[in-house]
């Protein structure tokens, strides 16, 4: 059978089961090489995650309020997820309190939600 004799049987393959020219055996997925590279990146990031978490806790105490707020928001979002807004937000829910203890023993308390601020603001209090 020559290339000219090959006829698509309807699934992108010829009568012998070979892929027709221009068809992919994995049209929705990625190559094995890409999958292995992705796994290597995941492993590298997983190894770095504890250091990244410690750095976030350090940044909560930054003198720059924008940095402290961004770090606080990231910690709360990672801990409990993004809050609800509008009519879905429970008005009578108690505030969530998170106590963050850094490696040097310094404590920071983060309060989110509750009747007073409905989760729109974070209150960061050094412990």
PDB file of N, CA and C in Angstrom:
ATOM      1  N   UNK A   1       0.855  -1.170   0.000  1.00  0.00           N
ATOM      2  CA  UNK A   1       0.000   0.000   0.000  1.00  0.00           C
ATOM      3  C   UNK A   1       0.902   1.234   0.000  1.00  0.00           C
ATOM      4  N   UNK A   2       0.667   2.137  -0.954  1.00  0.00           N
ATOM      5  CA  UNK A   2       1.437   3.378  -1.025  1.00  0.00           C
ATOM      6  C   UNK A   2       0.686   4.465  -0.274  1.00  0.00           C
ATOM      7  N   UNK A   3       1.370   5.574  -0.043  1.00  0.00           N
ATOM      8  CA  UNK A   3       0.716   6.677   0.647  1.00  0.00           C
ATOM      9  C   UNK A   3      -0.523   7.137  -0.096  1.00  0.00           C
ATOM     10  N   UNK A   4      -0.481   7.088  -1.392  1.00  0.00           N
ATOM     11  CA  UNK A   4      -1.629   7.529  -2.196  1.00  0.00           C
ATOM     12  C   UNK A   4      -2.809   6.581  -2.031  1.00  0.00           C
ATOM     13  N   UNK A   5      -2.553   5.313  -1.706  1.00  0.00           N
ATOM     14  CA  UNK A   5      -3.622   4.317  -1.564  1.00  0.00           C
ATOM     15  C   UNK A   5      -4.287   4.359  -0.188  1.00  0.00           C
ATOM     16  N   UNK A   6      -3.708   5.066   0.731  1.00  0.00           N
ATOM     17  CA  UNK A   6      -4.245   5.078   2.096  1.00  0.00           C
ATOM     18  C   UNK A   6      -5.565   5.848   2.132  1.00  0.00           C
ATOM     19  N   UNK A   7      -6.558   5.253   2.766  1.00  0.00           N
ATOM     20  CA  UNK A   7      -7.874   5.866   2.884  1.00  0.00           C
ATOM     21  C   UNK A   7      -8.230   5.943   4.362  1.00  0.00           C
ATOM     22  N   UNK A   8      -8.714   7.111   4.755  1.00  0.00           N
ATOM     23  CA  UNK A   8      -9.119   7.320   6.152  1.00  0.00           C
ATOM     24  C   UNK A   8     -10.363   6.495   6.418  1.00  0.00           C
ATOM     25  N   UNK A   9     -10.326   5.671   7.467  1.00  0.00           N
ATOM     26  CA  UNK A   9     -11.481   4.835   7.789  1.00  0.00           C
ATOM     27  C   UNK A   9     -12.493   5.564   8.673  1.00  0.00           C
ATOM     28  N   UNK A  10     -12.267   6.870   8.905  1.00  0.00           N
ATOM     29  CA  UNK A  10     -13.228   7.676   9.661  1.00  0.00           C
ATOM     30  C   UNK A  10     -12.733   8.115  11.027  1.00  0.00           C
ATOM     31  N   UNK A  11     -11.633   7.506  11.488  1.00  0.00           N
ATOM     32  CA  UNK A  11     -11.115   7.875  12.801  1.00  0.00           C
ATOM     33  C   UNK A  11      -9.704   8.456  12.719  1.00  0.00           C
ATOM     34  N   UNK A  12      -9.312   8.906  11.526  1.00  0.00           N
ATOM     35  CA  UNK A  12      -7.985   9.485  11.349  1.00  0.00           C
ATOM     36  C   UNK A  12      -6.911   8.449  11.102  1.00  0.00           C
ATOM     37  N   UNK A  13      -7.299   7.189  10.890  1.00  0.00           N
ATOM     38  CA  UNK A  13      -6.341   6.108  10.642  1.00  0.00           C
ATOM     39  C   UNK A  13      -6.701   5.395   9.337  1.00  0.00           C
ATOM     40  N   UNK A  14      -5.676   4.750   8.756  1.00  0.00           N
ATOM     41  CA  UNK A  14      -5.932   3.997   7.524  1.00  0.00           C
ATOM     42  C   UNK A  14      -6.389   2.582   7.875  1.00  0.00           C
ATOM     43  N   UNK A  15      -6.551   1.733   6.870  1.00  0.00           N
ATOM     44  CA  UNK A  15      -7.052   0.373   7.069  1.00  0.00           C
ATOM     45  C   UNK A  15      -6.125  -0.469   7.942  1.00  0.00           C
ATOM     46  N   UNK A  16      -4.846  -0.121   8.000  1.00  0.00           N
ATOM     47  CA  UNK A  16      -3.890  -0.853   8.833  1.00  0.00           C
ATOM     48  C   UNK A  16      -3.761  -0.240  10.233  1.00  0.00           C
ATOM     49  N   UNK A  17      -4.548   0.796  10.516  1.00  0.00           N
ATOM     50  CA  UNK A  17      -4.519   1.415  11.847  1.00  0.00           C
ATOM     51  C   UNK A  17      -3.474   2.493  12.016  1.00  0.00           C
ATOM     52  N   UNK A  18      -2.781   2.837  10.931  1.00  0.00           N
ATOM     53  CA  UNK A  18      -1.756   3.877  11.006  1.00  0.00           C
ATOM     54  C   UNK A  18      -2.408   5.254  10.896  1.00  0.00           C
ATOM     55  N   UNK A  19      -1.820   6.223  11.583  1.00  0.00           N
ATOM     56  CA  UNK A  19      -2.349   7.585  11.511  1.00  0.00           C
ATOM     57  C   UNK A  19      -2.205   8.141  10.104  1.00  0.00           C
ATOM     58  N   UNK A  20      -3.232   8.843   9.676  1.00  0.00           N
ATOM     59  CA  UNK A  20      -3.193   9.498   8.372  1.00  0.00           C
ATOM     60  C   UNK A  20      -2.313  10.741   8.478  1.00  0.00           C
ATOM     61  N   UNK A  21      -1.724  11.182   7.373  1.00  0.00           N
ATOM     62  CA  UNK A  21      -0.901  12.396   7.403  1.00  0.00           C
ATOM     63  C   UNK A  21      -1.705  13.582   7.952  1.00  0.00           C
ATOM     64  N   UNK A  22      -1.095  14.337   8.855  1.00  0.00           N
ATOM     65  CA  UNK A  22      -1.742  15.509   9.432  1.00  0.00           C
ATOM     66  C   UNK A  22      -2.606  15.222  10.646  1.00  0.00           C
ATOM     67  N   UNK A  23      -2.707  13.950  11.074  1.00  0.00           N
ATOM     68  CA  UNK A  23      -3.500  13.583  12.247  1.00  0.00           C
ATOM     69  C   UNK A  23      -2.569  13.307  13.423  1.00  0.00           C
ATOM     70  N   UNK A  24      -3.071  13.592  14.601  1.00  0.00           N
ATOM     71  CA  UNK A  24      -2.284  13.380  15.811  1.00  0.00           C
ATOM     72  C   UNK A  24      -2.856  12.223  16.610  1.00  0.00           C
ATOM     73  N   UNK A  25      -1.986  11.467  17.242  1.00  0.00           N
ATOM     74  CA  UNK A  25      -2.423  10.389  18.111  1.00  0.00           C
ATOM     75  C   UNK A  25      -2.817  10.888  19.489  1.00  0.00           C
ATOM     76  N   UNK A  26      -2.506  12.150  19.773  1.00  0.00           N
ATOM     77  CA  UNK A  26      -2.809  12.738  21.083  1.00  0.00           C
ATOM     78  C   UNK A  26      -3.223  14.199  20.878  1.00  0.00           C
ATOM     79  N   UNK A  27      -4.359  14.427  20.193  1.00  0.00           N
ATOM     80  CA  UNK A  27      -4.711  15.804  19.839  1.00  0.00           C
ATOM     81  C   UNK A  27      -5.055  16.697  21.031  1.00  0.00           C
ATOM     82  N   UNK A  28      -5.542  16.146  22.122  1.00  0.00           N
ATOM     83  CA  UNK A  28      -5.943  16.942  23.279  1.00  0.00           C
ATOM     84  C   UNK A  28      -4.856  17.037  24.341  1.00  0.00           C
ATOM     85  N   UNK A  29      -3.890  16.163  24.307  1.00  0.00           N
ATOM     86  CA  UNK A  29      -2.901  16.094  25.373  1.00  0.00           C
ATOM     87  C   UNK A  29      -1.572  16.714  25.000  1.00  0.00           C
ATOM     88  N   UNK A  30      -0.592  16.432  25.842  1.00  0.00           N
ATOM     89  CA  UNK A  30       0.749  16.942  25.590  1.00  0.00           C
ATOM     90  C   UNK A  30       1.679  15.761  25.394  1.00  0.00           C
ATOM     91  N   UNK A  31       2.865  16.060  24.926  1.00  0.00           N
ATOM     92  CA  UNK A  31       3.830  15.002  24.683  1.00  0.00           C
ATOM     93  C   UNK A  31       4.377  14.474  26.008  1.00  0.00           C
ATOM     94  N   UNK A  32       4.970  13.306  25.944  1.00  0.00           N
ATOM     95  CA  UNK A  32       5.577  12.711  27.134  1.00  0.00           C
ATOM     96  C   UNK A  32       6.672  13.640  27.652  1.00  0.00           C
ATOM     97  N   UNK A  33       7.423  14.252  26.746  1.00  0.00           N
ATOM     98  CA  UNK A  33       8.485  15.177  27.135  1.00  0.00           C
ATOM     99  C   UNK A  33       7.911  16.360  27.907  1.00  0.00           C
ATOM    100  N   UNK A  34       6.795  16.913  27.436  1.00  0.00           N
ATOM    101  CA  UNK A  34       6.154  18.022  28.136  1.00  0.00           C
ATOM    102  C   UNK A  34       5.631  17.585  29.499  1.00  0.00           C
ATOM    103  N   UNK A  35       5.059  16.396  29.592  1.00  0.00           N
ATOM    104  CA  UNK A  35       4.527  15.893  30.857  1.00  0.00           C
ATOM    105  C   UNK A  35       5.648  15.702  31.871  1.00  0.00           C
ATOM    106  N   UNK A  36       6.780  15.170  31.429  1.00  0.00           N
ATOM    107  CA  UNK A  36       7.927  15.001  32.329  1.00  0.00           C
ATOM    108  C   UNK A  36       8.466  16.340  32.790  1.00  0.00           C
ATOM    109  N   UNK A  37       8.534  17.316  31.887  1.00  0.00           N
ATOM    110  CA  UNK A  37       9.015  18.652  32.256  1.00  0.00           C
ATOM    111  C   UNK A  37       8.081  19.286  33.279  1.00  0.00           C
ATOM    112  N   UNK A  38       6.772  19.138  33.072  1.00  0.00           N
ATOM    113  CA  UNK A  38       5.795  19.675  34.012  1.00  0.00           C
ATOM    114  C   UNK A  38       5.958  19.040  35.392  1.00  0.00           C
ATOM    115  N   UNK A  39       6.191  17.743  35.436  1.00  0.00           N
ATOM    116  CA  UNK A  39       6.386  17.035  36.702  1.00  0.00           C
ATOM    117  C   UNK A  39       7.655  17.518  37.406  1.00  0.00           C
ATOM    118  N   UNK A  40       8.719  17.749  36.646  1.00  0.00           N
ATOM    119  CA  UNK A  40       9.957  18.276  37.247  1.00  0.00           C
ATOM    120  C   UNK A  40       9.716  19.646  37.863  1.00  0.00           C
ATOM    121  N   UNK A  41       8.983  20.500  37.167  1.00  0.00           N
ATOM    122  CA  UNK A  41       8.674  21.833  37.686  1.00  0.00           C
ATOM    123  C   UNK A  41       7.837  21.731  38.956  1.00  0.00           C
ATOM    124  N   UNK A  42       6.836  20.854  38.965  1.00  0.00           N
ATOM    125  CA  UNK A  42       6.014  20.661  40.175  1.00  0.00           C
ATOM    126  C   UNK A  42       6.870  20.241  41.363  1.00  0.00           C
ATOM    127  N   UNK A  43       7.815  19.331  41.141  1.00  0.00           N
ATOM    128  CA  UNK A  43       8.688  18.871  42.217  1.00  0.00           C
ATOM    129  C   UNK A  43       9.572  19.997  42.746  1.00  0.00           C
ATOM    130  N   UNK A  44      10.111  20.801  41.853  1.00  0.00           N
ATOM    131  CA  UNK A  44      10.945  21.933  42.263  1.00  0.00           C
ATOM    132  C   UNK A  44      10.125  22.909  43.094  1.00  0.00           C
ATOM    133  N   UNK A  45       8.908  23.219  42.635  1.00  0.00           N
ATOM    134  CA  UNK A  45       8.056  24.158  43.363  1.00  0.00           C
ATOM    135  C   UNK A  45       7.611  23.590  44.704  1.00  0.00           C
ATOM    136  N   UNK A  46       7.330  22.302  44.753  1.00  0.00           N
ATOM    137  CA  UNK A  46       6.938  21.682  46.022  1.00  0.00           C
ATOM    138  C   UNK A  46       8.073  21.766  47.033  1.00  0.00           C
ATOM    139  N   UNK A  47       9.294  21.579  46.576  1.00  0.00           N
ATOM    140  CA  UNK A  47      10.447  21.683  47.476  1.00  0.00           C
ATOM    141  C   UNK A  47      10.634  23.106  47.994  1.00  0.00           C
ATOM    142  N   UNK A  48      10.273  24.098  47.185  1.00  0.00           N
ATOM    143  CA  UNK A  48      10.446  25.500  47.572  1.00  0.00           C
ATOM    144  C   UNK A  48       9.273  26.041  48.384  1.00  0.00           C
ATOM    145  N   UNK A  49       8.160  25.318  48.441  1.00  0.00           N
ATOM    146  CA  UNK A  49       6.952  25.819  49.105  1.00  0.00           C
ATOM    147  C   UNK A  49       7.158  26.182  50.579  1.00  0.00           C
ATOM    148  N   UNK A  50       7.863  25.389  51.391  1.00  0.00           N
ATOM    149  CA  UNK A  50       8.057  25.791  52.792  1.00  0.00           C
ATOM    150  C   UNK A  50       8.792  27.121  52.931  1.00  0.00           C
ATOM    151  N   UNK A  51       9.809  27.331  52.104  1.00  0.00           N
ATOM    152  CA  UNK A  51      10.536  28.611  52.148  1.00  0.00           C
ATOM    153  C   UNK A  51       9.634  29.766  51.728  1.00  0.00           C
ATOM    154  N   UNK A  52       8.805  29.520  50.720  1.00  0.00           N
ATOM    155  CA  UNK A  52       7.891  30.568  50.261  1.00  0.00           C
ATOM    156  C   UNK A  52       6.880  30.913  51.348  1.00  0.00           C
ATOM    157  N   UNK A  53       6.377  29.912  52.060  1.00  0.00           N
ATOM    158  CA  UNK A  53       5.422  30.159  53.139  1.00  0.00           C
ATOM    159  C   UNK A  53       6.070  30.957  54.262  1.00  0.00           C
ATOM    160  N   UNK A  54       7.295  30.602  54.632  1.00  0.00           N
ATOM    161  CA  UNK A  54       8.003  31.356  55.668  1.00  0.00           C
ATOM    162  C   UNK A  54       8.218  32.801  55.236  1.00  0.00           C
ATOM    163  N   UNK A  55       8.536  33.005  53.970  1.00  0.00           N
ATOM    164  CA  UNK A  55       8.765  34.367  53.473  1.00  0.00           C
ATOM    165  C   UNK A  55       7.469  35.175  53.524  1.00  0.00           C
ATOM    166  N   UNK A  56       6.346  34.556  53.200  1.00  0.00           N
ATOM    167  CA  UNK A  56       5.055  35.249  53.296  1.00  0.00           C
ATOM    168  C   UNK A  56       4.796  35.708  54.724  1.00  0.00           C
ATOM    169  N   UNK A  57       5.092  34.848  55.696  1.00  0.00           N
ATOM    170  CA  UNK A  57       4.887  35.212  57.093  1.00  0.00           C
ATOM    171  C   UNK A  57       5.786  36.392  57.464  1.00  0.00           C
ATOM    172  N   UNK A  58       7.018  36.406  56.973  1.00  0.00           N
ATOM    173  CA  UNK A  58       7.921  37.535  57.226  1.00  0.00           C
ATOM    174  C   UNK A  58       7.348  38.823  56.624  1.00  0.00           C
ATOM    175  N   UNK A  59       6.790  38.722  55.429  1.00  0.00           N
ATOM    176  CA  UNK A  59       6.281  39.908  54.737  1.00  0.00           C
ATOM    177  C   UNK A  59       5.040  40.489  55.405  1.00  0.00           C
ATOM    178  N   UNK A  60       4.301  39.680  56.159  1.00  0.00           N
ATOM    179  CA  UNK A  60       3.141  40.192  56.892  1.00  0.00           C
ATOM    180  C   UNK A  60       3.576  41.304  57.841  1.00  0.00           C
ATOM    181  N   UNK A  61       4.781  41.217  58.339  1.00  0.00           N
ATOM    182  CA  UNK A  61       5.301  42.199  59.302  1.00  0.00           C
ATOM    183  C   UNK A  61       6.067  43.350  58.639  1.00  0.00           C
ATOM    184  N   UNK A  62       5.980  43.459  57.338  1.00  0.00           N
ATOM    185  CA  UNK A  62       6.692  44.523  56.626  1.00  0.00           C
ATOM    186  C   UNK A  62       6.213  45.894  57.086  1.00  0.00           C
ATOM    187  N   UNK A  63       7.126  46.849  57.120  1.00  0.00           N
ATOM    188  CA  UNK A  63       6.753  48.223  57.448  1.00  0.00           C
ATOM    189  C   UNK A  63       5.963  48.862  56.307  1.00  0.00           C
ATOM    190  N   UNK A  64       6.114  48.347  55.108  1.00  0.00           N
ATOM    191  CA  UNK A  64       5.356  48.823  53.962  1.00  0.00           C
ATOM    192  C   UNK A  64       3.974  48.180  54.029  1.00  0.00           C
ATOM    193  N   UNK A  65       2.946  48.980  54.254  1.00  0.00           N
ATOM    194  CA  UNK A  65       1.598  48.449  54.451  1.00  0.00           C
ATOM    195  C   UNK A  65       1.066  47.706  53.232  1.00  0.00           C
ATOM    196  N   UNK A  66       1.446  48.131  52.034  1.00  0.00           N
ATOM    197  CA  UNK A  66       0.983  47.440  50.834  1.00  0.00           C
ATOM    198  C   UNK A  66       1.544  46.018  50.781  1.00  0.00           C
ATOM    199  N   UNK A  67       2.807  45.874  51.145  1.00  0.00           N
ATOM    200  CA  UNK A  67       3.423  44.545  51.148  1.00  0.00           C
ATOM    201  C   UNK A  67       2.795  43.681  52.229  1.00  0.00           C
ATOM    202  N   UNK A  68       2.610  44.246  53.431  1.00  0.00           N
ATOM    203  CA  UNK A  68       2.010  43.499  54.536  1.00  0.00           C
ATOM    204  C   UNK A  68       0.591  43.046  54.186  1.00  0.00           C
ATOM    205  N   UNK A  69      -0.188  43.928  53.572  1.00  0.00           N
ATOM    206  CA  UNK A  69      -1.556  43.583  53.198  1.00  0.00           C
ATOM    207  C   UNK A  69      -1.574  42.498  52.125  1.00  0.00           C
ATOM    208  N   UNK A  70      -0.708  42.637  51.116  1.00  0.00           N
ATOM    209  CA  UNK A  70      -0.671  41.630  50.046  1.00  0.00           C
ATOM    210  C   UNK A  70      -0.292  40.262  50.603  1.00  0.00           C
ATOM    211  N   UNK A  71       0.690  40.227  51.506  1.00  0.00           N
ATOM    212  CA  UNK A  71       1.092  38.956  52.108  1.00  0.00           C
ATOM    213  C   UNK A  71      -0.041  38.390  52.962  1.00  0.00           C
ATOM    214  N   UNK A  72      -0.704  39.247  53.717  1.00  0.00           N
ATOM    215  CA  UNK A  72      -1.823  38.799  54.554  1.00  0.00           C
ATOM    216  C   UNK A  72      -2.940  38.223  53.701  1.00  0.00           C
ATOM    217  N   UNK A  73      -3.280  38.911  52.633  1.00  0.00           N
ATOM    218  CA  UNK A  73      -4.344  38.431  51.734  1.00  0.00           C
ATOM    219  C   UNK A  73      -3.974  37.078  51.134  1.00  0.00           C
ATOM    220  N   UNK A  74      -2.735  36.927  50.738  1.00  0.00           N
ATOM    221  CA  UNK A  74      -2.289  35.666  50.146  1.00  0.00           C
ATOM    222  C   UNK A  74      -2.391  34.532  51.155  1.00  0.00           C
ATOM    223  N   UNK A  75      -1.990  34.781  52.390  1.00  0.00           N
ATOM    224  CA  UNK A  75      -2.056  33.741  53.419  1.00  0.00           C
ATOM    225  C   UNK A  75      -3.503  33.345  53.688  1.00  0.00           C
ATOM    226  N   UNK A  76      -4.368  34.329  53.860  1.00  0.00           N
ATOM    227  CA  UNK A  76      -5.770  34.024  54.155  1.00  0.00           C
ATOM    228  C   UNK A  76      -6.418  33.313  52.972  1.00  0.00           C
ATOM    229  N   UNK A  77      -6.142  33.765  51.764  1.00  0.00           N
ATOM    230  CA  UNK A  77      -6.715  33.126  50.579  1.00  0.00           C
ATOM    231  C   UNK A  77      -6.261  31.676  50.486  1.00  0.00           C
ATOM    232  N   UNK A  78      -4.992  31.424  50.747  1.00  0.00           N
ATOM    233  CA  UNK A  78      -4.486  30.046  50.697  1.00  0.00           C
ATOM    234  C   UNK A  78      -5.056  29.197  51.823  1.00  0.00           C
ATOM    235  N   UNK A  79      -5.321  29.827  52.977  1.00  0.00           N
ATOM    236  CA  UNK A  79      -5.809  29.075  54.133  1.00  0.00           C
ATOM    237  C   UNK A  79      -7.295  28.740  54.029  1.00  0.00           C
ATOM    238  N   UNK A  80      -8.129  29.715  53.588  1.00  0.00           N
ATOM    239  CA  UNK A  80      -9.581  29.483  53.589  1.00  0.00           C
ATOM    240  C   UNK A  80     -10.243  29.699  52.248  1.00  0.00           C
ATOM    241  N   UNK A  81      -9.506  30.167  51.274  1.00  0.00           N
ATOM    242  CA  UNK A  81     -10.088  30.427  49.966  1.00  0.00           C
ATOM    243  C   UNK A  81     -10.638  31.845  49.895  1.00  0.00           C
ATOM    244  N   UNK A  82     -11.050  32.245  48.719  1.00  0.00           N
ATOM    245  CA  UNK A  82     -11.599  33.580  48.535  1.00  0.00           C
ATOM    246  C   UNK A  82     -12.970  33.661  49.188  1.00  0.00           C
ATOM    247  N   UNK A  83     -13.249  34.795  49.786  1.00  0.00           N
ATOM    248  CA  UNK A  83     -14.533  34.988  50.457  1.00  0.00           C
ATOM    249  C   UNK A  83     -15.649  35.238  49.473  1.00  0.00           C
ATOM    250  N   UNK A  84     -16.879  35.090  49.968  1.00  0.00           N
ATOM    251  CA  UNK A  84     -18.040  35.393  49.144  1.00  0.00           C
ATOM    252  C   UNK A  84     -18.327  36.883  49.237  1.00  0.00           C
ATOM    253  N   UNK A  85     -19.008  37.407  48.249  1.00  0.00           N
ATOM    254  CA  UNK A  85     -19.333  38.829  48.227  1.00  0.00           C
ATOM    255  C   UNK A  85     -20.813  39.014  47.958  1.00  0.00           C
ATOM    256  N   UNK A  86     -21.280  40.202  48.241  1.00  0.00           N
ATOM    257  CA  UNK A  86     -22.670  40.535  47.946  1.00  0.00           C
ATOM    258  C   UNK A  86     -23.642  39.795  48.825  1.00  0.00           C
ATOM    259  N   UNK A  87     -24.754  39.370  48.240  1.00  0.00           N
ATOM    260  CA  UNK A  87     -25.824  38.723  49.000  1.00  0.00           C
ATOM    261  C   UNK A  87     -25.430  37.342  49.508  1.00  0.00           C
ATOM    262  N   UNK A  88     -24.414  36.712  48.907  1.00  0.00           N
ATOM    263  CA  UNK A  88     -24.000  35.382  49.335  1.00  0.00           C
ATOM    264  C   UNK A  88     -23.210  35.399  50.633  1.00  0.00           C
ATOM    265  N   UNK A  89     -22.680  36.558  51.013  1.00  0.00           N
ATOM    266  CA  UNK A  89     -21.842  36.628  52.207  1.00  0.00           C
ATOM    267  C   UNK A  89     -22.706  36.538  53.459  1.00  0.00           C
ATOM    268  N   UNK A  90     -22.395  35.610  54.374  1.00  0.00           N
ATOM    269  CA  UNK A  90     -23.179  35.503  55.610  1.00  0.00           C
ATOM    270  C   UNK A  90     -22.921  36.719  56.502  1.00  0.00           C
ATOM    271  N   UNK A  91     -23.986  37.403  56.910  1.00  0.00           N
ATOM    272  CA  UNK A  91     -23.843  38.636  57.688  1.00  0.00           C
ATOM    273  C   UNK A  91     -23.567  38.364  59.160  1.00  0.00           C
ATOM    274  N   UNK A  92     -23.979  37.200  59.656  1.00  0.00           N
ATOM    275  CA  UNK A  92     -23.835  36.925  61.082  1.00  0.00           C
ATOM    276  C   UNK A  92     -22.707  35.938  61.395  1.00  0.00           C
ATOM    277  N   UNK A  93     -21.856  35.660  60.421  1.00  0.00           N
ATOM    278  CA  UNK A  93     -20.769  34.705  60.644  1.00  0.00           C
ATOM    279  C   UNK A  93     -19.721  35.309  61.576  1.00  0.00           C
ATOM    280  N   UNK A  94     -19.191  34.508  62.486  1.00  0.00           N
ATOM    281  CA  UNK A  94     -18.138  35.030  63.361  1.00  0.00           C
ATOM    282  C   UNK A  94     -16.861  35.245  62.555  1.00  0.00           C
ATOM    283  N   UNK A  95     -16.001  36.161  62.993  1.00  0.00           N
ATOM    284  CA  UNK A  95     -14.756  36.368  62.258  1.00  0.00           C
ATOM    285  C   UNK A  95     -13.850  35.146  62.369  1.00  0.00           C
ATOM    286  N   UNK A  96     -13.088  34.901  61.338  1.00  0.00           N
ATOM    287  CA  UNK A  96     -12.098  33.831  61.387  1.00  0.00           C
ATOM    288  C   UNK A  96     -10.802  34.438  61.894  1.00  0.00           C
ATOM    289  N   UNK A  97     -10.163  33.760  62.797  1.00  0.00           N
ATOM    290  CA  UNK A  97      -8.932  34.264  63.392  1.00  0.00           C
ATOM    291  C   UNK A  97      -7.814  33.279  63.081  1.00  0.00           C
ATOM    292  N   UNK A  98      -6.726  33.796  62.551  1.00  0.00           N
ATOM    293  CA  UNK A  98      -5.563  32.981  62.235  1.00  0.00           C
ATOM    294  C   UNK A  98      -4.387  33.516  63.022  1.00  0.00           C
ATOM    295  N   UNK A  99      -3.701  32.636  63.705  1.00  0.00           N
ATOM    296  CA  UNK A  99      -2.505  33.013  64.439  1.00  0.00           C
ATOM    297  C   UNK A  99      -1.322  32.426  63.683  1.00  0.00           C
ATOM    298  N   UNK A 100      -0.437  33.296  63.220  1.00  0.00           N
ATOM    299  CA  UNK A 100       0.725  32.875  62.450  1.00  0.00           C
ATOM    300  C   UNK A 100       1.939  33.028  63.346  1.00  0.00           C
ATOM    301  N   UNK A 101       2.677  31.942  63.506  1.00  0.00           N
ATOM    302  CA  UNK A 101       3.877  31.957  64.330  1.00  0.00           C
ATOM    303  C   UNK A 101       5.069  31.730  63.409  1.00  0.00           C
ATOM    304  N   UNK A 102       5.954  32.715  63.344  1.00  0.00           N
ATOM    305  CA  UNK A 102       7.113  32.605  62.475  1.00  0.00           C
ATOM    306  C   UNK A 102       8.188  31.757  63.146  1.00  0.00           C
ATOM    307  N   UNK A 103       9.205  31.349  62.397  1.00  0.00           N
ATOM    308  CA  UNK A 103      10.264  30.516  62.971  1.00  0.00           C
ATOM    309  C   UNK A 103      10.967  31.163  64.169  1.00  0.00           C
ATOM    310  N   UNK A 104      10.988  32.510  64.226  1.00  0.00           N
ATOM    311  CA  UNK A 104      11.643  33.163  65.362  1.00  0.00           C
ATOM    312  C   UNK A 104      10.717  33.290  66.570  1.00  0.00           C
ATOM    313  N   UNK A 105       9.494  32.764  66.462  1.00  0.00           N
ATOM    314  CA  UNK A 105       8.560  32.767  67.578  1.00  0.00           C
ATOM    315  C   UNK A 105       7.629  33.961  67.622  1.00  0.00           C
ATOM    316  N   UNK A 106       7.787  34.929  66.724  1.00  0.00           N
ATOM    317  CA  UNK A 106       6.917  36.089  66.678  1.00  0.00           C
ATOM    318  C   UNK A 106       5.536  35.662  66.199  1.00  0.00           C
ATOM    319  N   UNK A 107       4.496  36.158  66.874  1.00  0.00           N
ATOM    320  CA  UNK A 107       3.126  35.797  66.507  1.00  0.00           C
ATOM    321  C   UNK A 107       2.428  36.976  65.847  1.00  0.00           C
ATOM    322  N   UNK A 108       1.612  36.662  64.856  1.00  0.00           N
ATOM    323  CA  UNK A 108       0.762  37.658  64.218  1.00  0.00           C
ATOM    324  C   UNK A 108      -0.627  37.063  64.134  1.00  0.00           C
ATOM    325  N   UNK A 109      -1.622  37.868  64.483  1.00  0.00           N
ATOM    326  CA  UNK A 109      -3.004  37.409  64.428  1.00  0.00           C
ATOM    327  C   UNK A 109      -3.696  38.106  63.269  1.00  0.00           C
ATOM    328  N   UNK A 110      -4.386  37.335  62.448  1.00  0.00           N
ATOM    329  CA  UNK A 110      -5.128  37.895  61.322  1.00  0.00           C
ATOM    330  C   UNK A 110      -6.592  37.557  61.524  1.00  0.00           C
ATOM    331  N   UNK A 111      -7.444  38.581  61.502  1.00  0.00           N
ATOM    332  CA  UNK A 111      -8.890  38.391  61.615  1.00  0.00           C
ATOM    333  C   UNK A 111      -9.515  38.728  60.270  1.00  0.00           C
ATOM    334  N   UNK A 112     -10.407  37.881  59.809  1.00  0.00           N
ATOM    335  CA  UNK A 112     -11.078  38.116  58.533  1.00  0.00           C
ATOM    336  C   UNK A 112     -12.552  37.799  58.676  1.00  0.00           C
ATOM    337  N   UNK A 113     -13.384  38.650  58.141  1.00  0.00           N
ATOM    338  CA  UNK A 113     -14.820  38.397  58.145  1.00  0.00           C
ATOM    339  C   UNK A 113     -15.470  38.819  59.445  1.00  0.00           C
ATOM    340  N   UNK A 114     -16.724  38.434  59.611  1.00  0.00           N
ATOM    341  CA  UNK A 114     -17.462  38.776  60.817  1.00  0.00           C
ATOM    342  C   UNK A 114     -18.417  39.920  60.577  1.00  0.00           C
ATOM    343  N   UNK A 115     -19.192  40.266  61.608  1.00  0.00           N
ATOM    344  CA  UNK A 115     -20.217  41.294  61.477  1.00  0.00           C
ATOM    345  C   UNK A 115     -19.634  42.679  61.217  1.00  0.00           C
ATOM    346  N   UNK A 116     -18.461  42.957  61.785  1.00  0.00           N
ATOM    347  CA  UNK A 116     -17.926  44.309  61.689  1.00  0.00           C
ATOM    348  C   UNK A 116     -17.486  44.681  60.278  1.00  0.00           C
ATOM    349  N   UNK A 117     -16.776  43.762  59.609  1.00  0.00           N
ATOM    350  CA  UNK A 117     -16.221  44.167  58.319  1.00  0.00           C
ATOM    351  C   UNK A 117     -16.674  43.296  57.155  1.00  0.00           C
ATOM    352  N   UNK A 118     -17.514  42.308  57.406  1.00  0.00           N
ATOM    353  CA  UNK A 118     -18.048  41.441  56.351  1.00  0.00           C
ATOM    354  C   UNK A 118     -16.976  40.884  55.430  1.00  0.00           C
ATOM    355  N   UNK A 119     -15.750  40.750  55.938  1.00  0.00           N
ATOM    356  CA  UNK A 119     -14.687  40.139  55.156  1.00  0.00           C
ATOM    357  C   UNK A 119     -14.058  41.051  54.135  1.00  0.00           C
ATOM    358  N   UNK A 120     -14.448  42.316  54.114  1.00  0.00           N
ATOM    359  CA  UNK A 120     -13.889  43.210  53.113  1.00  0.00           C
ATOM    360  C   UNK A 120     -12.491  43.683  53.484  1.00  0.00           C
ATOM    361  N   UNK A 121     -12.158  43.675  54.766  1.00  0.00           N
ATOM    362  CA  UNK A 121     -10.861  44.149  55.201  1.00  0.00           C
ATOM    363  C   UNK A 121     -10.209  43.107  56.087  1.00  0.00           C
ATOM    364  N   UNK A 122      -8.924  43.129  56.148  1.00  0.00           N
ATOM    365  CA  UNK A 122      -8.180  42.279  57.063  1.00  0.00           C
ATOM    366  C   UNK A 122      -7.625  43.144  58.166  1.00  0.00           C
ATOM    367  N   UNK A 123      -7.646  42.628  59.366  1.00  0.00           N
ATOM    368  CA  UNK A 123      -7.085  43.332  60.497  1.00  0.00           C
ATOM    369  C   UNK A 123      -5.878  42.533  60.955  1.00  0.00           C
ATOM    370  N   UNK A 124      -4.692  43.108  60.851  1.00  0.00           N
ATOM    371  CA  UNK A 124      -3.480  42.414  61.224  1.00  0.00           C
ATOM    372  C   UNK A 124      -2.997  43.016  62.530  1.00  0.00           C
ATOM    373  N   UNK A 125      -2.828  42.151  63.534  1.00  0.00           N
ATOM    374  CA  UNK A 125      -2.389  42.602  64.854  1.00  0.00           C
ATOM    375  C   UNK A 125      -1.166  41.815  65.285  1.00  0.00           C
ATOM    376  N   UNK A 126      -0.045  42.482  65.519  1.00  0.00           N
ATOM    377  CA  UNK A 126       1.103  41.755  66.050  1.00  0.00           C
ATOM    378  C   UNK A 126       0.753  41.174  67.413  1.00  0.00           C
ATOM    379  N   UNK A 127       1.178  39.951  67.678  1.00  0.00           N
ATOM    380  CA  UNK A 127       0.855  39.278  68.927  1.00  0.00           C
ATOM    381  C   UNK A 127       1.819  39.605  70.035  1.00  0.00           C
TER     382      UNK A 127
END
